[in-house]
Amino acid sequence: MKPTPALRPRTCPPRRSRGVVMLFVLITMVILLIGAAALLRSFNTSLTSAGNLAFKRDLMNQGERAVPVVLAAMKTGALDSATLRANDLPAQNYSASILPTNDAGIPNALLSDSAFTAVASTANDIAVSGQGVKIRYVVDRLCSTSGLDTALGADKCTLANSGMPTGGSSSDLVRAEDATSGGSGAATLQVVYRLSIRVDGPRGTQAFFQTTFTL
């Protein structure tokens, strides 16, 4: 008998690396980098928004500086009588008639320097030293034309009641406003004034505030 030849294990040649793993690693890294960039951008946007909101709130508080200035002028200053308020007084940022506004109700005088200097004085601007804040304001009487309040009346001016009668209710106020209702007589109606404020702050922040009041 012939001897059976021993079986030799067959060896396969090693496969060459085709770089598939490296390709997946690179794709994963790109995705992670895109995610990190988006996250950083989101953080920056959130911080910017938060900063702008903080500036807006600060500007609201800063804008209140104009209120006591205006009230002082209206009560004890250059605008403390109906005769003085009957005509425009640019030196006090005061208009005896309604100022033109944009669609949002902001007077055009606060939207451009040229329109402002036509009806008011830049000398009245309030600058907050060390904070980069400037406050500009105008006051206009809600009347269609200049003249004494008593002569213009409700036909040409917006009027408001002087408030709730002492110790009374809302129904008492209605009866007081209508002398024909059998009440105690007509309530005192006063002309309405409008105070509009623009506040310029850091980083080009700008805010507008507005309120109405009677004397």
C-alpha atoms as a PDB file:
ATOM      1  CA  MET A   1       0.000   0.000   0.000  1.00  0.00           C
ATOM      2  CA  LYS A   2       1.010   3.483  -0.733  1.00  0.00           C
ATOM      3  CA  PRO A   3       1.133   5.837   2.229  1.00  0.00           C
ATOM      4  CA  THR A   4      -1.638   8.471   2.352  1.00  0.00           C
ATOM      5  CA  PRO A   5      -0.158  11.924   1.975  1.00  0.00           C
ATOM      6  CA  ALA A   6      -0.728  14.166   4.968  1.00  0.00           C
ATOM      7  CA  LEU A   7      -3.299  16.947   4.461  1.00  0.00           C
ATOM      8  CA  ARG A   8      -1.813  20.376   4.639  1.00  0.00           C
ATOM      9  CA  PRO A   9      -3.988  23.297   5.740  1.00  0.00           C
ATOM     10  CA  ARG A  10      -4.651  25.777   3.009  1.00  0.00           C
ATOM     11  CA  THR A  11      -3.747  29.327   3.885  1.00  0.00           C
ATOM     12  CA  CYS A  12      -5.554  32.280   2.351  1.00  0.00           C
ATOM     13  CA  PRO A  13      -3.609  35.369   1.520  1.00  0.00           C
ATOM     14  CA  PRO A  14      -4.382  38.265   3.925  1.00  0.00           C
ATOM     15  CA  ARG A  15      -7.036  40.668   2.674  1.00  0.00           C
ATOM     16  CA  ARG A  16      -5.919  44.149   2.004  1.00  0.00           C
ATOM     17  CA  SER A  17      -7.515  46.887   4.161  1.00  0.00           C
ATOM     18  CA  ARG A  18      -9.852  48.922   2.023  1.00  0.00           C
ATOM     19  CA  GLY A  19     -10.184  51.866   4.510  1.00  0.00           C
ATOM     20  CA  VAL A  20     -13.909  51.338   5.251  1.00  0.00           C
ATOM     21  CA  VAL A  21     -13.460  51.849   8.989  1.00  0.00           C
ATOM     22  CA  MET A  22     -11.536  55.060   8.414  1.00  0.00           C
ATOM     23  CA  LEU A  23     -14.312  56.328   6.153  1.00  0.00           C
ATOM     24  CA  PHE A  24     -16.956  55.755   8.860  1.00  0.00           C
ATOM     25  CA  VAL A  25     -14.740  57.444  11.439  1.00  0.00           C
ATOM     26  CA  LEU A  26     -14.337  60.487   9.223  1.00  0.00           C
ATOM     27  CA  ILE A  27     -18.097  60.705   8.573  1.00  0.00           C
ATOM     28  CA  THR A  28     -18.787  60.447  12.315  1.00  0.00           C
ATOM     29  CA  MET A  29     -16.272  63.199  13.062  1.00  0.00           C
ATOM     30  CA  VAL A  30     -17.852  65.473  10.453  1.00  0.00           C
ATOM     31  CA  ILE A  31     -21.313  64.926  11.968  1.00  0.00           C
ATOM     32  CA  LEU A  32     -19.971  65.675  15.442  1.00  0.00           C
ATOM     33  CA  LEU A  33     -18.275  68.845  14.228  1.00  0.00           C
ATOM     34  CA  ILE A  34     -21.484  70.033  12.537  1.00  0.00           C
ATOM     35  CA  GLY A  35     -23.440  69.344  15.727  1.00  0.00           C
ATOM     36  CA  ALA A  36     -20.887  71.205  17.859  1.00  0.00           C
ATOM     37  CA  ALA A  37     -20.954  74.190  15.513  1.00  0.00           C
ATOM     38  CA  ALA A  38     -24.772  74.290  15.590  1.00  0.00           C
ATOM     39  CA  LEU A  39     -24.731  74.059  19.397  1.00  0.00           C
ATOM     40  CA  LEU A  40     -22.244  76.926  19.700  1.00  0.00           C
ATOM     41  CA  ARG A  41     -24.288  79.028  17.324  1.00  0.00           C
ATOM     42  CA  SER A  42     -27.410  78.315  19.356  1.00  0.00           C
ATOM     43  CA  PHE A  43     -25.609  79.349  22.550  1.00  0.00           C
ATOM     44  CA  ASN A  44     -24.408  82.574  20.933  1.00  0.00           C
ATOM     45  CA  THR A  45     -27.911  83.382  19.698  1.00  0.00           C
ATOM     46  CA  SER A  46     -29.382  82.707  23.135  1.00  0.00           C
ATOM     47  CA  LEU A  47     -26.774  84.874  24.835  1.00  0.00           C
ATOM     48  CA  THR A  48     -27.340  87.690  22.353  1.00  0.00           C
ATOM     49  CA  SER A  49     -31.105  87.505  22.836  1.00  0.00           C
ATOM     50  CA  ALA A  50     -30.722  87.479  26.608  1.00  0.00           C
ATOM     51  CA  GLY A  51     -28.375  90.459  26.405  1.00  0.00           C
ATOM     52  CA  ASN A  52     -30.785  92.390  24.213  1.00  0.00           C
ATOM     53  CA  LEU A  53     -33.665  91.676  26.602  1.00  0.00           C
ATOM     54  CA  ALA A  54     -31.562  92.889  29.499  1.00  0.00           C
ATOM     55  CA  PHE A  55     -30.748  96.075  27.598  1.00  0.00           C
ATOM     56  CA  LYS A  56     -34.427  96.590  26.777  1.00  0.00           C
ATOM     57  CA  ARG A  57     -35.423  96.266  30.416  1.00  0.00           C
ATOM     58  CA  ASP A  58     -32.698  98.656  31.449  1.00  0.00           C
ATOM     59  CA  LEU A  59     -33.777 101.150  28.796  1.00  0.00           C
ATOM     60  CA  MET A  60     -37.322 101.028  30.148  1.00  0.00           C
ATOM     61  CA  ASN A  61     -36.040 102.016  33.570  1.00  0.00           C
ATOM     62  CA  GLN A  62     -33.795 104.687  32.073  1.00  0.00           C
ATOM     63  CA  GLY A  63     -36.691 106.144  30.081  1.00  0.00           C
ATOM     64  CA  GLU A  64     -38.519 106.981  33.282  1.00  0.00           C
ATOM     65  CA  ARG A  65     -35.994 109.768  33.857  1.00  0.00           C
ATOM     66  CA  ALA A  66     -37.956 111.892  31.389  1.00  0.00           C
ATOM     67  CA  VAL A  67     -41.246 111.595  33.300  1.00  0.00           C
ATOM     68  CA  PRO A  68     -40.435 113.815  36.320  1.00  0.00           C
ATOM     69  CA  VAL A  69     -38.835 116.379  34.013  1.00  0.00           C
ATOM     70  CA  VAL A  70     -42.014 116.678  31.958  1.00  0.00           C
ATOM     71  CA  LEU A  71     -44.343 116.697  34.961  1.00  0.00           C
ATOM     72  CA  ALA A  72     -42.282 119.402  36.644  1.00  0.00           C
ATOM     73  CA  ALA A  73     -42.530 121.586  33.545  1.00  0.00           C
ATOM     74  CA  MET A  74     -46.280 121.003  33.302  1.00  0.00           C
ATOM     75  CA  LYS A  75     -47.007 121.695  36.968  1.00  0.00           C
ATOM     76  CA  THR A  76     -44.542 124.337  38.117  1.00  0.00           C
ATOM     77  CA  GLY A  77     -42.356 125.161  35.121  1.00  0.00           C
ATOM     78  CA  ALA A  78     -42.599 126.702  31.675  1.00  0.00           C
ATOM     79  CA  LEU A  79     -45.849 124.836  30.871  1.00  0.00           C
ATOM     80  CA  ASP A  80     -47.722 125.318  34.137  1.00  0.00           C
ATOM     81  CA  SER A  81     -50.776 127.138  32.734  1.00  0.00           C
ATOM     82  CA  ALA A  82     -53.344 126.563  30.003  1.00  0.00           C
ATOM     83  CA  THR A  83     -52.237 129.793  28.328  1.00  0.00           C
ATOM     84  CA  LEU A  84     -48.649 128.588  28.057  1.00  0.00           C
ATOM     85  CA  ARG A  85     -49.813 125.219  26.734  1.00  0.00           C
ATOM     86  CA  ALA A  86     -52.059 126.816  24.121  1.00  0.00           C
ATOM     87  CA  ASN A  87     -49.211 127.116  21.599  1.00  0.00           C
ATOM     88  CA  ASP A  88     -46.153 125.135  20.595  1.00  0.00           C
ATOM     89  CA  LEU A  89     -43.087 125.547  22.771  1.00  0.00           C
ATOM     90  CA  PRO A  90     -40.132 123.812  21.068  1.00  0.00           C
ATOM     91  CA  ALA A  91     -37.767 124.867  23.846  1.00  0.00           C
ATOM     92  CA  GLN A  92     -39.723 122.513  26.127  1.00  0.00           C
ATOM     93  CA  ASN A  93     -40.227 119.746  23.523  1.00  0.00           C
ATOM     94  CA  TYR A  94     -43.932 120.598  23.549  1.00  0.00           C
ATOM     95  CA  SER A  95     -46.474 120.634  20.739  1.00  0.00           C
ATOM     96  CA  ALA A  96     -49.951 122.110  21.262  1.00  0.00           C
ATOM     97  CA  SER A  97     -51.390 119.787  18.603  1.00  0.00           C
ATOM     98  CA  ILE A  98     -51.003 116.123  17.737  1.00  0.00           C
ATOM     99  CA  LEU A  99     -47.671 115.288  16.153  1.00  0.00           C
ATOM    100  CA  PRO A 100     -47.605 113.146  12.986  1.00  0.00           C
ATOM    101  CA  THR A 101     -46.787 109.502  13.703  1.00  0.00           C
ATOM    102  CA  ASN A 102     -45.898 106.336  11.852  1.00  0.00           C
ATOM    103  CA  ASP A 103     -48.127 103.255  11.685  1.00  0.00           C
ATOM    104  CA  ALA A 104     -46.959 102.155  15.142  1.00  0.00           C
ATOM    105  CA  GLY A 105     -48.007 105.462  16.710  1.00  0.00           C
ATOM    106  CA  ILE A 106     -44.464 106.711  17.255  1.00  0.00           C
ATOM    107  CA  PRO A 107     -44.099 110.444  16.509  1.00  0.00           C
ATOM    108  CA  ASN A 108     -41.998 111.096  13.443  1.00  0.00           C
ATOM    109  CA  ALA A 109     -40.033 113.588  15.525  1.00  0.00           C
ATOM    110  CA  LEU A 110     -38.414 110.671  17.361  1.00  0.00           C
ATOM    111  CA  LEU A 111     -37.530 108.818  14.186  1.00  0.00           C
ATOM    112  CA  SER A 112     -35.183 111.367  12.621  1.00  0.00           C
ATOM    113  CA  ASP A 113     -33.007 114.216  13.848  1.00  0.00           C
ATOM    114  CA  SER A 114     -34.322 116.670  11.258  1.00  0.00           C
ATOM    115  CA  ALA A 115     -37.950 116.041  12.229  1.00  0.00           C
ATOM    116  CA  PHE A 116     -37.054 116.361  15.892  1.00  0.00           C
ATOM    117  CA  THR A 117     -35.253 119.700  15.641  1.00  0.00           C
ATOM    118  CA  ALA A 118     -38.279 121.096  13.797  1.00  0.00           C
ATOM    119  CA  VAL A 119     -40.502 120.687  16.872  1.00  0.00           C
ATOM    120  CA  ALA A 120     -38.139 120.287  19.842  1.00  0.00           C
ATOM    121  CA  SER A 121     -34.689 121.050  21.197  1.00  0.00           C
ATOM    122  CA  THR A 122     -31.788 118.617  21.437  1.00  0.00           C
ATOM    123  CA  ALA A 123     -30.628 120.573  24.500  1.00  0.00           C
ATOM    124  CA  ASN A 124     -33.297 118.706  26.464  1.00  0.00           C
ATOM    125  CA  ASP A 125     -31.821 115.282  25.667  1.00  0.00           C
ATOM    126  CA  ILE A 126     -30.961 113.407  28.848  1.00  0.00           C
ATOM    127  CA  ALA A 127     -27.570 111.700  28.748  1.00  0.00           C
ATOM    128  CA  VAL A 128     -26.738 109.090  31.398  1.00  0.00           C
ATOM    129  CA  SER A 129     -23.026 109.457  31.943  1.00  0.00           C
ATOM    130  CA  GLY A 130     -20.939 106.314  31.998  1.00  0.00           C
ATOM    131  CA  GLN A 131     -23.711 104.101  30.626  1.00  0.00           C
ATOM    132  CA  GLY A 132     -23.931 105.151  27.001  1.00  0.00           C
ATOM    133  CA  VAL A 133     -27.642 105.966  27.304  1.00  0.00           C
ATOM    134  CA  LYS A 134     -29.410 108.963  25.758  1.00  0.00           C
ATOM    135  CA  ILE A 135     -33.060 109.820  26.323  1.00  0.00           C
ATOM    136  CA  ARG A 136     -35.082 111.957  23.906  1.00  0.00           C
ATOM    137  CA  TYR A 137     -38.739 112.866  24.374  1.00  0.00           C
ATOM    138  CA  VAL A 138     -41.609 114.945  23.006  1.00  0.00           C
ATOM    139  CA  VAL A 139     -44.925 115.966  24.534  1.00  0.00           C
ATOM    140  CA  ASP A 140     -47.957 116.690  22.369  1.00  0.00           C
ATOM    141  CA  ARG A 141     -51.436 117.778  23.350  1.00  0.00           C
ATOM    142  CA  LEU A 142     -54.076 115.547  21.770  1.00  0.00           C
ATOM    143  CA  CYS A 143     -55.809 118.419  19.998  1.00  0.00           C
ATOM    144  CA  SER A 144     -56.215 118.984  16.279  1.00  0.00           C
ATOM    145  CA  THR A 145     -54.983 122.574  16.488  1.00  0.00           C
ATOM    146  CA  SER A 146     -53.403 125.066  18.855  1.00  0.00           C
ATOM    147  CA  GLY A 147     -55.417 127.370  21.109  1.00  0.00           C
ATOM    148  CA  LEU A 148     -56.852 127.495  24.607  1.00  0.00           C
ATOM    149  CA  ASP A 149     -58.371 124.295  25.947  1.00  0.00           C
ATOM    150  CA  THR A 150     -61.607 126.055  26.874  1.00  0.00           C
ATOM    151  CA  ALA A 151     -62.010 127.416  23.372  1.00  0.00           C
ATOM    152  CA  LEU A 152     -61.257 124.134  21.577  1.00  0.00           C
ATOM    153  CA  GLY A 153     -63.404 121.827  23.696  1.00  0.00           C
ATOM    154  CA  ALA A 154     -64.256 118.213  22.967  1.00  0.00           C
ATOM    155  CA  ASP A 155     -64.706 118.871  19.245  1.00  0.00           C
ATOM    156  CA  LYS A 156     -60.991 119.433  18.709  1.00  0.00           C
ATOM    157  CA  CYS A 157     -59.345 117.804  21.731  1.00  0.00           C
ATOM    158  CA  THR A 158     -59.323 114.408  23.357  1.00  0.00           C
ATOM    159  CA  LEU A 159     -60.712 114.787  26.875  1.00  0.00           C
ATOM    160  CA  ALA A 160     -60.730 112.491  29.889  1.00  0.00           C
ATOM    161  CA  ASN A 161     -62.568 112.657  33.193  1.00  0.00           C
ATOM    162  CA  SER A 162     -60.740 113.806  36.268  1.00  0.00           C
ATOM    163  CA  GLY A 163     -61.216 110.498  38.061  1.00  0.00           C
ATOM    164  CA  MET A 164     -63.651 108.693  40.350  1.00  0.00           C
ATOM    165  CA  PRO A 165     -65.714 110.910  42.648  1.00  0.00           C
ATOM    166  CA  THR A 166     -64.542 110.655  46.235  1.00  0.00           C
ATOM    167  CA  GLY A 167     -66.264 107.725  47.913  1.00  0.00           C
ATOM    168  CA  GLY A 168     -68.236 106.950  44.751  1.00  0.00           C
ATOM    169  CA  SER A 169     -68.626 104.089  42.337  1.00  0.00           C
ATOM    170  CA  SER A 170     -68.344 103.774  38.577  1.00  0.00           C
ATOM    171  CA  SER A 171     -72.061 104.481  38.217  1.00  0.00           C
ATOM    172  CA  ASP A 172     -71.558 107.705  40.192  1.00  0.00           C
ATOM    173  CA  LEU A 173     -68.856 108.680  37.712  1.00  0.00           C
ATOM    174  CA  VAL A 174     -71.162 108.076  34.746  1.00  0.00           C
ATOM    175  CA  ARG A 175     -73.916 110.176  36.337  1.00  0.00           C
ATOM    176  CA  ALA A 176     -71.436 112.914  37.190  1.00  0.00           C
ATOM    177  CA  GLU A 177     -70.228 113.070  33.597  1.00  0.00           C
ATOM    178  CA  ASP A 178     -73.777 113.544  32.317  1.00  0.00           C
ATOM    179  CA  ALA A 179     -75.422 116.633  33.809  1.00  0.00           C
ATOM    180  CA  THR A 180     -78.781 115.590  32.318  1.00  0.00           C
ATOM    181  CA  SER A 181     -78.864 112.279  34.179  1.00  0.00           C
ATOM    182  CA  GLY A 182     -80.004 113.848  37.416  1.00  0.00           C
ATOM    183  CA  GLY A 183     -76.588 113.527  39.031  1.00  0.00           C
ATOM    184  CA  SER A 184     -74.661 116.143  40.934  1.00  0.00           C
ATOM    185  CA  GLY A 185     -73.450 117.798  37.741  1.00  0.00           C
ATOM    186  CA  ALA A 186     -70.971 117.241  34.920  1.00  0.00           C
ATOM    187  CA  ALA A 187     -67.578 115.856  35.906  1.00  0.00           C
ATOM    188  CA  THR A 188     -64.514 117.925  35.099  1.00  0.00           C
ATOM    189  CA  LEU A 189     -63.011 116.829  31.787  1.00  0.00           C
ATOM    190  CA  GLN A 190     -59.357 117.520  31.105  1.00  0.00           C
ATOM    191  CA  VAL A 191     -57.257 117.588  27.975  1.00  0.00           C
ATOM    192  CA  VAL A 192     -55.104 114.508  27.388  1.00  0.00           C
ATOM    193  CA  TYR A 193     -51.364 114.880  26.764  1.00  0.00           C
ATOM    194  CA  ARG A 194     -49.069 112.271  25.273  1.00  0.00           C
ATOM    195  CA  LEU A 195     -45.471 111.695  26.299  1.00  0.00           C
ATOM    196  CA  SER A 196     -43.332 109.766  23.809  1.00  0.00           C
ATOM    197  CA  ILE A 197     -39.805 108.695  24.715  1.00  0.00           C
ATOM    198  CA  ARG A 198     -36.927 107.246  22.716  1.00  0.00           C
ATOM    199  CA  VAL A 199     -34.005 105.704  24.563  1.00  0.00           C
ATOM    200  CA  ASP A 200     -30.737 104.873  22.811  1.00  0.00           C
ATOM    201  CA  GLY A 201     -28.485 102.405  24.592  1.00  0.00           C
ATOM    202  CA  PRO A 202     -25.316 100.332  24.131  1.00  0.00           C
ATOM    203  CA  ARG A 203     -24.764  98.113  21.076  1.00  0.00           C
ATOM    204  CA  GLY A 204     -27.196 100.213  19.045  1.00  0.00           C
ATOM    205  CA  THR A 205     -30.122  99.211  21.251  1.00  0.00           C
ATOM    206  CA  GLN A 206     -33.131 101.493  20.845  1.00  0.00           C
ATOM    207  CA  ALA A 207     -36.494 101.445  22.589  1.00  0.00           C
ATOM    208  CA  PHE A 208     -39.642 103.566  22.437  1.00  0.00           C
ATOM    209  CA  PHE A 209     -42.108 104.180  25.247  1.00  0.00           C
ATOM    210  CA  GLN A 210     -45.343 106.136  25.348  1.00  0.00           C
ATOM    211  CA  THR A 211     -47.924 107.156  27.901  1.00  0.00           C
ATOM    212  CA  THR A 212     -50.834 109.573  28.181  1.00  0.00           C
ATOM    213  CA  PHE A 213     -51.761 111.738  31.152  1.00  0.00           C
ATOM    214  CA  THR A 214     -53.969 114.619  32.269  1.00  0.00           C
ATOM    215  CA  LEU A 215     -53.302 117.460  34.654  1.00  0.00           C
END
